[in-house]
Amino acid sequence: GGTSSKSRATPPPRPGAPPLPGGKKKTVAAAAVSGQSVSQKAPPREAYLARAAMRHWMDGLVALARNDGALQAIGLTHKLASELIAELVAAARRTGVEDTIAQDLARLSGSSIERPDILLEKAGFLATSRINRFVSTLGFEAMPEDKRPMAPDGTEDGEVRVFARRPDVSDCDGLSRERRNFSYLALSEWMYAFNQLVTDNVLSGEGVTVNVKENERLRAILEALDAAPAAGSAEAAAR
């Protein structure tokens, strides 16, 4: 006693799958859509390498926040280091550091005459340069100088635009009579740029804080940086 074909249950539809043997042929569109979905999952090579570079940098920051010896030398607690790192990572995402690296690598990968190992070495150099530049200037080098925050220059009521281009001096006549305190300037500009960075993170929705006026964690970070034993503590913490 076989079962008639009318009583057999109809199999459920399988979207995107090839038709079952013996059934009506479906359009080729299903196969085309399926192929597109597979290709969309694989990012371009330059995007993959840029993301890997950023992840490597972030992993290094997390490792720094757990390194007792490094934090003691810098003068930061685990909590403050973690919050500083969170703001750096948020700002890197907000300013598109990863996309910029990918664009650099896309231009580099257009060369077909160099060996793959040489191209990878250049790719590593480009990614490292972009990340180091971001850590040093917090993304403000891409902003017009008149839009950048001001920072104390060490003189009475004196201020400078953060990371402004210094005038080129080709001889001694262009040098000022008084020696500038470059260590003070480096820390001052980075601290005040970081202060603006946190505010920008908050206003863009990328930051870890909620209220700009009540941002006591930022105050604690800046006070710790100001009291750090070395003038380059802020950049060392970021790296």
C-alpha atoms as a PDB file:
ATOM      1  CA  GLY A   1       0.000   0.000   0.000  1.00  0.00           C
ATOM      2  CA  GLY A   2       1.930   2.976  -1.288  1.00  0.00           C
ATOM      3  CA  THR A   3       0.909   6.472  -0.451  1.00  0.00           C
ATOM      4  CA  SER A   4      -0.600   8.508  -3.268  1.00  0.00           C
ATOM      5  CA  SER A   5       1.238  11.571  -4.507  1.00  0.00           C
ATOM      6  CA  LYS A   6      -1.624  13.829  -3.403  1.00  0.00           C
ATOM      7  CA  SER A   7      -1.199  12.845   0.259  1.00  0.00           C
ATOM      8  CA  ARG A   8       2.521  13.573   0.369  1.00  0.00           C
ATOM      9  CA  ALA A   9       3.436  16.681   2.303  1.00  0.00           C
ATOM     10  CA  THR A  10       4.822  19.465   0.203  1.00  0.00           C
ATOM     11  CA  PRO A  11       8.355  20.324   1.312  1.00  0.00           C
ATOM     12  CA  PRO A  12       8.761  23.829   2.709  1.00  0.00           C
ATOM     13  CA  PRO A  13      10.253  26.424   0.402  1.00  0.00           C
ATOM     14  CA  ARG A  14      13.982  27.049   0.684  1.00  0.00           C
ATOM     15  CA  PRO A  15      14.740  30.626  -0.332  1.00  0.00           C
ATOM     16  CA  GLY A  16      18.008  30.995  -2.184  1.00  0.00           C
ATOM     17  CA  ALA A  17      18.518  27.233  -2.500  1.00  0.00           C
ATOM     18  CA  PRO A  18      18.586  25.325  -5.803  1.00  0.00           C
ATOM     19  CA  PRO A  19      15.274  23.684  -6.802  1.00  0.00           C
ATOM     20  CA  LEU A  20      14.604  20.116  -5.721  1.00  0.00           C
ATOM     21  CA  PRO A  21      15.099  17.444  -8.397  1.00  0.00           C
ATOM     22  CA  GLY A  22      11.908  16.848 -10.390  1.00  0.00           C
ATOM     23  CA  GLY A  23      10.378  20.194  -9.483  1.00  0.00           C
ATOM     24  CA  LYS A  24       9.869  23.275 -11.610  1.00  0.00           C
ATOM     25  CA  LYS A  25      13.022  25.174 -12.429  1.00  0.00           C
ATOM     26  CA  LYS A  26      13.366  28.493 -10.688  1.00  0.00           C
ATOM     27  CA  THR A  27      14.907  31.593 -12.099  1.00  0.00           C
ATOM     28  CA  VAL A  28      18.640  32.112 -11.993  1.00  0.00           C
ATOM     29  CA  ALA A  29      18.117  35.138  -9.749  1.00  0.00           C
ATOM     30  CA  ALA A  30      18.284  33.003  -6.623  1.00  0.00           C
ATOM     31  CA  ALA A  31      21.769  31.797  -7.469  1.00  0.00           C
ATOM     32  CA  ALA A  32      22.848  35.339  -8.283  1.00  0.00           C
ATOM     33  CA  VAL A  33      21.578  36.691  -4.963  1.00  0.00           C
ATOM     34  CA  SER A  34      23.259  33.880  -3.096  1.00  0.00           C
ATOM     35  CA  GLY A  35      26.556  34.638  -4.806  1.00  0.00           C
ATOM     36  CA  GLN A  36      26.324  38.304  -3.910  1.00  0.00           C
ATOM     37  CA  SER A  37      25.731  37.547  -0.262  1.00  0.00           C
ATOM     38  CA  VAL A  38      28.882  35.424  -0.166  1.00  0.00           C
ATOM     39  CA  SER A  39      31.006  38.097  -1.815  1.00  0.00           C
ATOM     40  CA  GLN A  40      29.713  40.782   0.571  1.00  0.00           C
ATOM     41  CA  LYS A  41      30.980  38.822   3.545  1.00  0.00           C
ATOM     42  CA  ALA A  42      34.566  38.995   2.287  1.00  0.00           C
ATOM     43  CA  PRO A  43      35.907  42.572   2.602  1.00  0.00           C
ATOM     44  CA  PRO A  44      38.549  43.869   0.190  1.00  0.00           C
ATOM     45  CA  ARG A  45      42.112  43.005   1.084  1.00  0.00           C
ATOM     46  CA  GLU A  46      43.007  46.562   2.057  1.00  0.00           C
ATOM     47  CA  ALA A  47      39.986  46.793   4.386  1.00  0.00           C
ATOM     48  CA  TYR A  48      40.918  43.500   6.010  1.00  0.00           C
ATOM     49  CA  LEU A  49      44.539  44.608   6.557  1.00  0.00           C
ATOM     50  CA  ALA A  50      43.451  48.004   7.898  1.00  0.00           C
ATOM     51  CA  ARG A  51      41.126  46.350  10.402  1.00  0.00           C
ATOM     52  CA  ALA A  52      43.878  43.933  11.437  1.00  0.00           C
ATOM     53  CA  ALA A  53      46.252  46.863  12.022  1.00  0.00           C
ATOM     54  CA  MET A  54      43.718  48.688  14.166  1.00  0.00           C
ATOM     55  CA  ARG A  55      42.949  45.549  16.144  1.00  0.00           C
ATOM     56  CA  HIS A  56      46.670  45.007  16.768  1.00  0.00           C
ATOM     57  CA  TRP A  57      46.976  48.585  18.053  1.00  0.00           C
ATOM     58  CA  MET A  58      43.939  48.229  20.306  1.00  0.00           C
ATOM     59  CA  ASP A  59      45.211  44.926  21.694  1.00  0.00           C
ATOM     60  CA  GLY A  60      48.456  46.674  22.581  1.00  0.00           C
ATOM     61  CA  LEU A  61      46.563  49.407  24.408  1.00  0.00           C
ATOM     62  CA  VAL A  62      44.597  46.853  26.396  1.00  0.00           C
ATOM     63  CA  ALA A  63      47.837  45.065  27.296  1.00  0.00           C
ATOM     64  CA  LEU A  64      49.306  48.384  28.472  1.00  0.00           C
ATOM     65  CA  ALA A  65      46.332  48.984  30.772  1.00  0.00           C
ATOM     66  CA  ARG A  66      47.110  45.646  32.445  1.00  0.00           C
ATOM     67  CA  ASN A  67      50.859  46.236  32.763  1.00  0.00           C
ATOM     68  CA  ASP A  68      51.511  47.305  36.359  1.00  0.00           C
ATOM     69  CA  GLY A  69      55.112  48.275  35.730  1.00  0.00           C
ATOM     70  CA  ALA A  70      54.321  50.465  32.723  1.00  0.00           C
ATOM     71  CA  LEU A  71      51.440  52.181  34.480  1.00  0.00           C
ATOM     72  CA  GLN A  72      53.589  52.881  37.531  1.00  0.00           C
ATOM     73  CA  ALA A  73      56.253  54.467  35.310  1.00  0.00           C
ATOM     74  CA  ILE A  74      53.639  56.550  33.490  1.00  0.00           C
ATOM     75  CA  GLY A  75      51.805  57.559  36.640  1.00  0.00           C
ATOM     76  CA  LEU A  76      48.347  56.256  35.756  1.00  0.00           C
ATOM     77  CA  THR A  77      46.016  53.887  37.565  1.00  0.00           C
ATOM     78  CA  HIS A  78      44.353  50.945  35.821  1.00  0.00           C
ATOM     79  CA  LYS A  79      41.031  52.792  35.826  1.00  0.00           C
ATOM     80  CA  LEU A  80      42.362  56.028  34.352  1.00  0.00           C
ATOM     81  CA  ALA A  81      44.423  54.187  31.750  1.00  0.00           C
ATOM     82  CA  SER A  82      41.393  52.165  30.665  1.00  0.00           C
ATOM     83  CA  GLU A  83      39.278  55.312  30.328  1.00  0.00           C
ATOM     84  CA  LEU A  84      41.983  57.155  28.406  1.00  0.00           C
ATOM     85  CA  ILE A  85      42.298  54.190  26.036  1.00  0.00           C
ATOM     86  CA  ALA A  86      38.519  53.987  25.585  1.00  0.00           C
ATOM     87  CA  GLU A  87      38.423  57.640  24.517  1.00  0.00           C
ATOM     88  CA  LEU A  88      41.338  57.150  22.098  1.00  0.00           C
ATOM     89  CA  VAL A  89      39.668  54.162  20.477  1.00  0.00           C
ATOM     90  CA  ALA A  90      36.344  56.010  20.212  1.00  0.00           C
ATOM     91  CA  ALA A  91      38.056  58.994  18.583  1.00  0.00           C
ATOM     92  CA  ALA A  92      39.940  56.748  16.154  1.00  0.00           C
ATOM     93  CA  ARG A  93      36.631  55.262  15.045  1.00  0.00           C
ATOM     94  CA  ARG A  94      34.956  58.660  14.884  1.00  0.00           C
ATOM     95  CA  THR A  95      37.681  60.212  12.740  1.00  0.00           C
ATOM     96  CA  GLY A  96      37.936  57.215  10.402  1.00  0.00           C
ATOM     97  CA  VAL A  97      41.530  56.161  10.995  1.00  0.00           C
ATOM     98  CA  GLU A  98      40.777  52.634   9.765  1.00  0.00           C
ATOM     99  CA  ASP A  99      39.201  53.933   6.537  1.00  0.00           C
ATOM    100  CA  THR A 100      42.181  56.212   5.934  1.00  0.00           C
ATOM    101  CA  ILE A 101      44.560  53.273   6.330  1.00  0.00           C
ATOM    102  CA  ALA A 102      42.447  51.231   3.912  1.00  0.00           C
ATOM    103  CA  GLN A 103      42.606  54.038   1.345  1.00  0.00           C
ATOM    104  CA  ASP A 104      46.393  54.194   1.682  1.00  0.00           C
ATOM    105  CA  LEU A 105      46.654  50.437   1.229  1.00  0.00           C
ATOM    106  CA  ALA A 106      44.315  50.479  -1.773  1.00  0.00           C
ATOM    107  CA  ARG A 107      46.659  52.896  -3.552  1.00  0.00           C
ATOM    108  CA  LEU A 108      49.618  50.767  -2.571  1.00  0.00           C
ATOM    109  CA  SER A 109      48.072  47.503  -3.767  1.00  0.00           C
ATOM    110  CA  GLY A 110      47.667  48.979  -7.241  1.00  0.00           C
ATOM    111  CA  SER A 111      51.347  48.275  -7.923  1.00  0.00           C
ATOM    112  CA  SER A 112      51.817  44.907  -9.606  1.00  0.00           C
ATOM    113  CA  ILE A 113      55.574  45.055 -10.144  1.00  0.00           C
ATOM    114  CA  GLU A 114      56.712  44.656  -6.526  1.00  0.00           C
ATOM    115  CA  ARG A 115      57.027  41.411  -4.621  1.00  0.00           C
ATOM    116  CA  PRO A 116      54.204  40.575  -2.182  1.00  0.00           C
ATOM    117  CA  ASP A 117      56.563  40.629   0.808  1.00  0.00           C
ATOM    118  CA  ILE A 118      57.751  44.146  -0.089  1.00  0.00           C
ATOM    119  CA  LEU A 119      54.147  45.301  -0.447  1.00  0.00           C
ATOM    120  CA  LEU A 120      53.273  43.869   2.963  1.00  0.00           C
ATOM    121  CA  GLU A 121      56.251  45.618   4.509  1.00  0.00           C
ATOM    122  CA  LYS A 122      55.141  48.922   3.005  1.00  0.00           C
ATOM    123  CA  ALA A 123      51.574  48.275   4.149  1.00  0.00           C
ATOM    124  CA  GLY A 124      52.785  47.798   7.713  1.00  0.00           C
ATOM    125  CA  PHE A 125      54.765  51.027   7.528  1.00  0.00           C
ATOM    126  CA  LEU A 126      51.761  52.978   6.210  1.00  0.00           C
ATOM    127  CA  ALA A 127      49.411  51.604   8.876  1.00  0.00           C
ATOM    128  CA  THR A 128      51.932  52.277  11.651  1.00  0.00           C
ATOM    129  CA  SER A 129      52.524  55.828  10.427  1.00  0.00           C
ATOM    130  CA  ARG A 130      48.814  56.615  10.366  1.00  0.00           C
ATOM    131  CA  ILE A 131      48.211  55.229  13.848  1.00  0.00           C
ATOM    132  CA  ASN A 132      51.259  56.971  15.318  1.00  0.00           C
ATOM    133  CA  ARG A 133      50.188  60.253  13.742  1.00  0.00           C
ATOM    134  CA  PHE A 134      46.746  59.902  15.270  1.00  0.00           C
ATOM    135  CA  VAL A 135      48.201  59.163  18.718  1.00  0.00           C
ATOM    136  CA  SER A 136      50.539  62.158  18.431  1.00  0.00           C
ATOM    137  CA  THR A 137      48.017  64.727  17.209  1.00  0.00           C
ATOM    138  CA  LEU A 138      44.695  63.021  18.076  1.00  0.00           C
ATOM    139  CA  GLY A 139      43.391  63.656  14.567  1.00  0.00           C
ATOM    140  CA  PHE A 140      43.662  67.443  14.782  1.00  0.00           C
ATOM    141  CA  GLU A 141      46.316  67.644  12.049  1.00  0.00           C
ATOM    142  CA  ALA A 142      43.476  67.130   9.529  1.00  0.00           C
ATOM    143  CA  MET A 143      41.542  70.101  10.958  1.00  0.00           C
ATOM    144  CA  PRO A 144      42.189  73.734   9.906  1.00  0.00           C
ATOM    145  CA  GLU A 145      44.428  75.411  12.471  1.00  0.00           C
ATOM    146  CA  ASP A 146      41.913  78.140  13.274  1.00  0.00           C
ATOM    147  CA  LYS A 147      39.405  75.442  14.283  1.00  0.00           C
ATOM    148  CA  ARG A 148      41.722  73.710  16.727  1.00  0.00           C
ATOM    149  CA  PRO A 149      41.622  74.265  20.500  1.00  0.00           C
ATOM    150  CA  MET A 150      44.067  76.536  22.270  1.00  0.00           C
ATOM    151  CA  ALA A 151      46.618  75.417  24.846  1.00  0.00           C
ATOM    152  CA  PRO A 152      48.823  77.346  27.322  1.00  0.00           C
ATOM    153  CA  ASP A 153      52.338  77.947  25.995  1.00  0.00           C
ATOM    154  CA  GLY A 154      54.034  78.333  29.386  1.00  0.00           C
ATOM    155  CA  THR A 155      54.129  82.126  29.376  1.00  0.00           C
ATOM    156  CA  GLU A 156      51.791  84.431  31.277  1.00  0.00           C
ATOM    157  CA  ASP A 157      48.396  84.309  29.520  1.00  0.00           C
ATOM    158  CA  GLY A 158      50.114  82.954  26.386  1.00  0.00           C
ATOM    159  CA  GLU A 159      48.367  80.359  24.217  1.00  0.00           C
ATOM    160  CA  VAL A 160      49.032  78.393  21.028  1.00  0.00           C
ATOM    161  CA  ARG A 161      46.895  76.428  18.635  1.00  0.00           C
ATOM    162  CA  VAL A 162      47.453  72.739  19.284  1.00  0.00           C
ATOM    163  CA  PHE A 163      49.843  71.091  16.825  1.00  0.00           C
ATOM    164  CA  ALA A 164      50.087  74.236  14.708  1.00  0.00           C
ATOM    165  CA  ARG A 165      52.770  74.259  12.054  1.00  0.00           C
ATOM    166  CA  ARG A 166      55.894  75.951  13.335  1.00  0.00           C
ATOM    167  CA  PRO A 167      57.574  78.556  11.125  1.00  0.00           C
ATOM    168  CA  ASP A 168      60.515  77.277   9.113  1.00  0.00           C
ATOM    169  CA  VAL A 169      63.832  78.646  10.330  1.00  0.00           C
ATOM    170  CA  SER A 170      66.837  78.310   8.056  1.00  0.00           C
ATOM    171  CA  ASP A 171      69.385  80.312  10.054  1.00  0.00           C
ATOM    172  CA  CYS A 172      70.031  81.739  13.523  1.00  0.00           C
ATOM    173  CA  ASP A 173      68.372  85.055  12.677  1.00  0.00           C
ATOM    174  CA  GLY A 174      64.990  83.365  12.774  1.00  0.00           C
ATOM    175  CA  LEU A 175      65.460  81.980  16.280  1.00  0.00           C
ATOM    176  CA  SER A 176      63.931  83.782  19.241  1.00  0.00           C
ATOM    177  CA  ARG A 177      66.149  85.081  22.021  1.00  0.00           C
ATOM    178  CA  GLU A 178      64.331  83.053  24.645  1.00  0.00           C
ATOM    179  CA  ARG A 179      64.443  79.285  24.585  1.00  0.00           C
ATOM    180  CA  ARG A 180      60.992  77.720  24.369  1.00  0.00           C
ATOM    181  CA  ASN A 181      59.991  74.966  26.761  1.00  0.00           C
ATOM    182  CA  PHE A 182      59.228  72.282  24.204  1.00  0.00           C
ATOM    183  CA  SER A 183      58.575  69.624  26.829  1.00  0.00           C
ATOM    184  CA  TYR A 184      55.897  71.835  28.378  1.00  0.00           C
ATOM    185  CA  LEU A 185      54.397  72.617  24.973  1.00  0.00           C
ATOM    186  CA  ALA A 186      54.268  68.964  23.933  1.00  0.00           C
ATOM    187  CA  LEU A 187      52.365  67.946  27.055  1.00  0.00           C
ATOM    188  CA  SER A 188      50.158  71.056  27.104  1.00  0.00           C
ATOM    189  CA  GLU A 189      49.052  70.700  23.491  1.00  0.00           C
ATOM    190  CA  TRP A 190      48.339  66.980  23.866  1.00  0.00           C
ATOM    191  CA  MET A 191      46.361  67.466  27.077  1.00  0.00           C
ATOM    192  CA  TYR A 192      44.183  70.256  25.716  1.00  0.00           C
ATOM    193  CA  ALA A 193      43.686  68.402  22.460  1.00  0.00           C
ATOM    194  CA  PHE A 194      42.638  65.342  24.444  1.00  0.00           C
ATOM    195  CA  ASN A 195      40.196  67.476  26.402  1.00  0.00           C
ATOM    196  CA  GLN A 196      38.590  68.569  23.120  1.00  0.00           C
ATOM    197  CA  LEU A 197      38.698  64.992  21.828  1.00  0.00           C
ATOM    198  CA  VAL A 198      36.599  63.760  24.766  1.00  0.00           C
ATOM    199  CA  THR A 199      34.075  66.546  24.224  1.00  0.00           C
ATOM    200  CA  ASP A 200      33.841  65.690  20.525  1.00  0.00           C
ATOM    201  CA  ASN A 201      33.369  62.021  21.406  1.00  0.00           C
ATOM    202  CA  VAL A 202      30.483  62.900  23.709  1.00  0.00           C
ATOM    203  CA  LEU A 203      28.776  65.174  21.206  1.00  0.00           C
ATOM    204  CA  SER A 204      29.103  62.569  18.461  1.00  0.00           C
ATOM    205  CA  GLY A 205      27.768  59.750  20.613  1.00  0.00           C
ATOM    206  CA  GLU A 206      31.068  57.834  20.472  1.00  0.00           C
ATOM    207  CA  GLY A 207      32.351  58.653  23.943  1.00  0.00           C
ATOM    208  CA  VAL A 208      32.197  56.640  27.130  1.00  0.00           C
ATOM    209  CA  THR A 209      30.857  59.617  29.110  1.00  0.00           C
ATOM    210  CA  VAL A 210      27.369  61.088  29.080  1.00  0.00           C
ATOM    211  CA  ASN A 211      27.524  64.620  30.456  1.00  0.00           C
ATOM    212  CA  VAL A 212      30.200  67.088  29.357  1.00  0.00           C
ATOM    213  CA  LYS A 213      29.796  69.371  32.391  1.00  0.00           C
ATOM    214  CA  GLU A 214      30.057  66.491  34.848  1.00  0.00           C
ATOM    215  CA  ASN A 215      32.992  64.742  33.217  1.00  0.00           C
ATOM    216  CA  GLU A 216      35.006  64.168  36.365  1.00  0.00           C
ATOM    217  CA  ARG A 217      36.830  61.240  34.823  1.00  0.00           C
ATOM    218  CA  LEU A 218      38.361  63.530  32.230  1.00  0.00           C
ATOM    219  CA  ARG A 219      39.549  65.860  34.973  1.00  0.00           C
ATOM    220  CA  ALA A 220      41.149  62.940  36.784  1.00  0.00           C
ATOM    221  CA  ILE A 221      42.913  61.782  33.613  1.00  0.00           C
ATOM    222  CA  LEU A 222      44.288  65.236  32.865  1.00  0.00           C
ATOM    223  CA  GLU A 223      45.422  65.747  36.453  1.00  0.00           C
ATOM    224  CA  ALA A 224      47.221  62.404  36.334  1.00  0.00           C
ATOM    225  CA  LEU A 225      48.909  63.340  33.062  1.00  0.00           C
ATOM    226  CA  ASP A 226      49.915  66.711  34.465  1.00  0.00           C
ATOM    227  CA  ALA A 227      51.513  65.021  37.467  1.00  0.00           C
ATOM    228  CA  ALA A 228      53.204  62.289  35.410  1.00  0.00           C
ATOM    229  CA  PRO A 229      56.982  62.080  35.971  1.00  0.00           C
ATOM    230  CA  ALA A 230      57.929  62.390  32.295  1.00  0.00           C
ATOM    231  CA  ALA A 231      56.859  65.073  29.846  1.00  0.00           C
ATOM    232  CA  GLY A 232      56.095  62.456  27.225  1.00  0.00           C
ATOM    233  CA  SER A 233      53.819  60.464  29.511  1.00  0.00           C
ATOM    234  CA  ALA A 234      50.657  61.210  27.569  1.00  0.00           C
ATOM    235  CA  GLU A 235      51.984  59.841  24.296  1.00  0.00           C
ATOM    236  CA  ALA A 236      53.581  56.878  26.043  1.00  0.00           C
ATOM    237  CA  ALA A 237      50.237  55.999  27.605  1.00  0.00           C
ATOM    238  CA  ALA A 238      48.537  56.116  24.234  1.00  0.00           C
ATOM    239  CA  ARG A 239      51.070  53.778  22.691  1.00  0.00           C
END
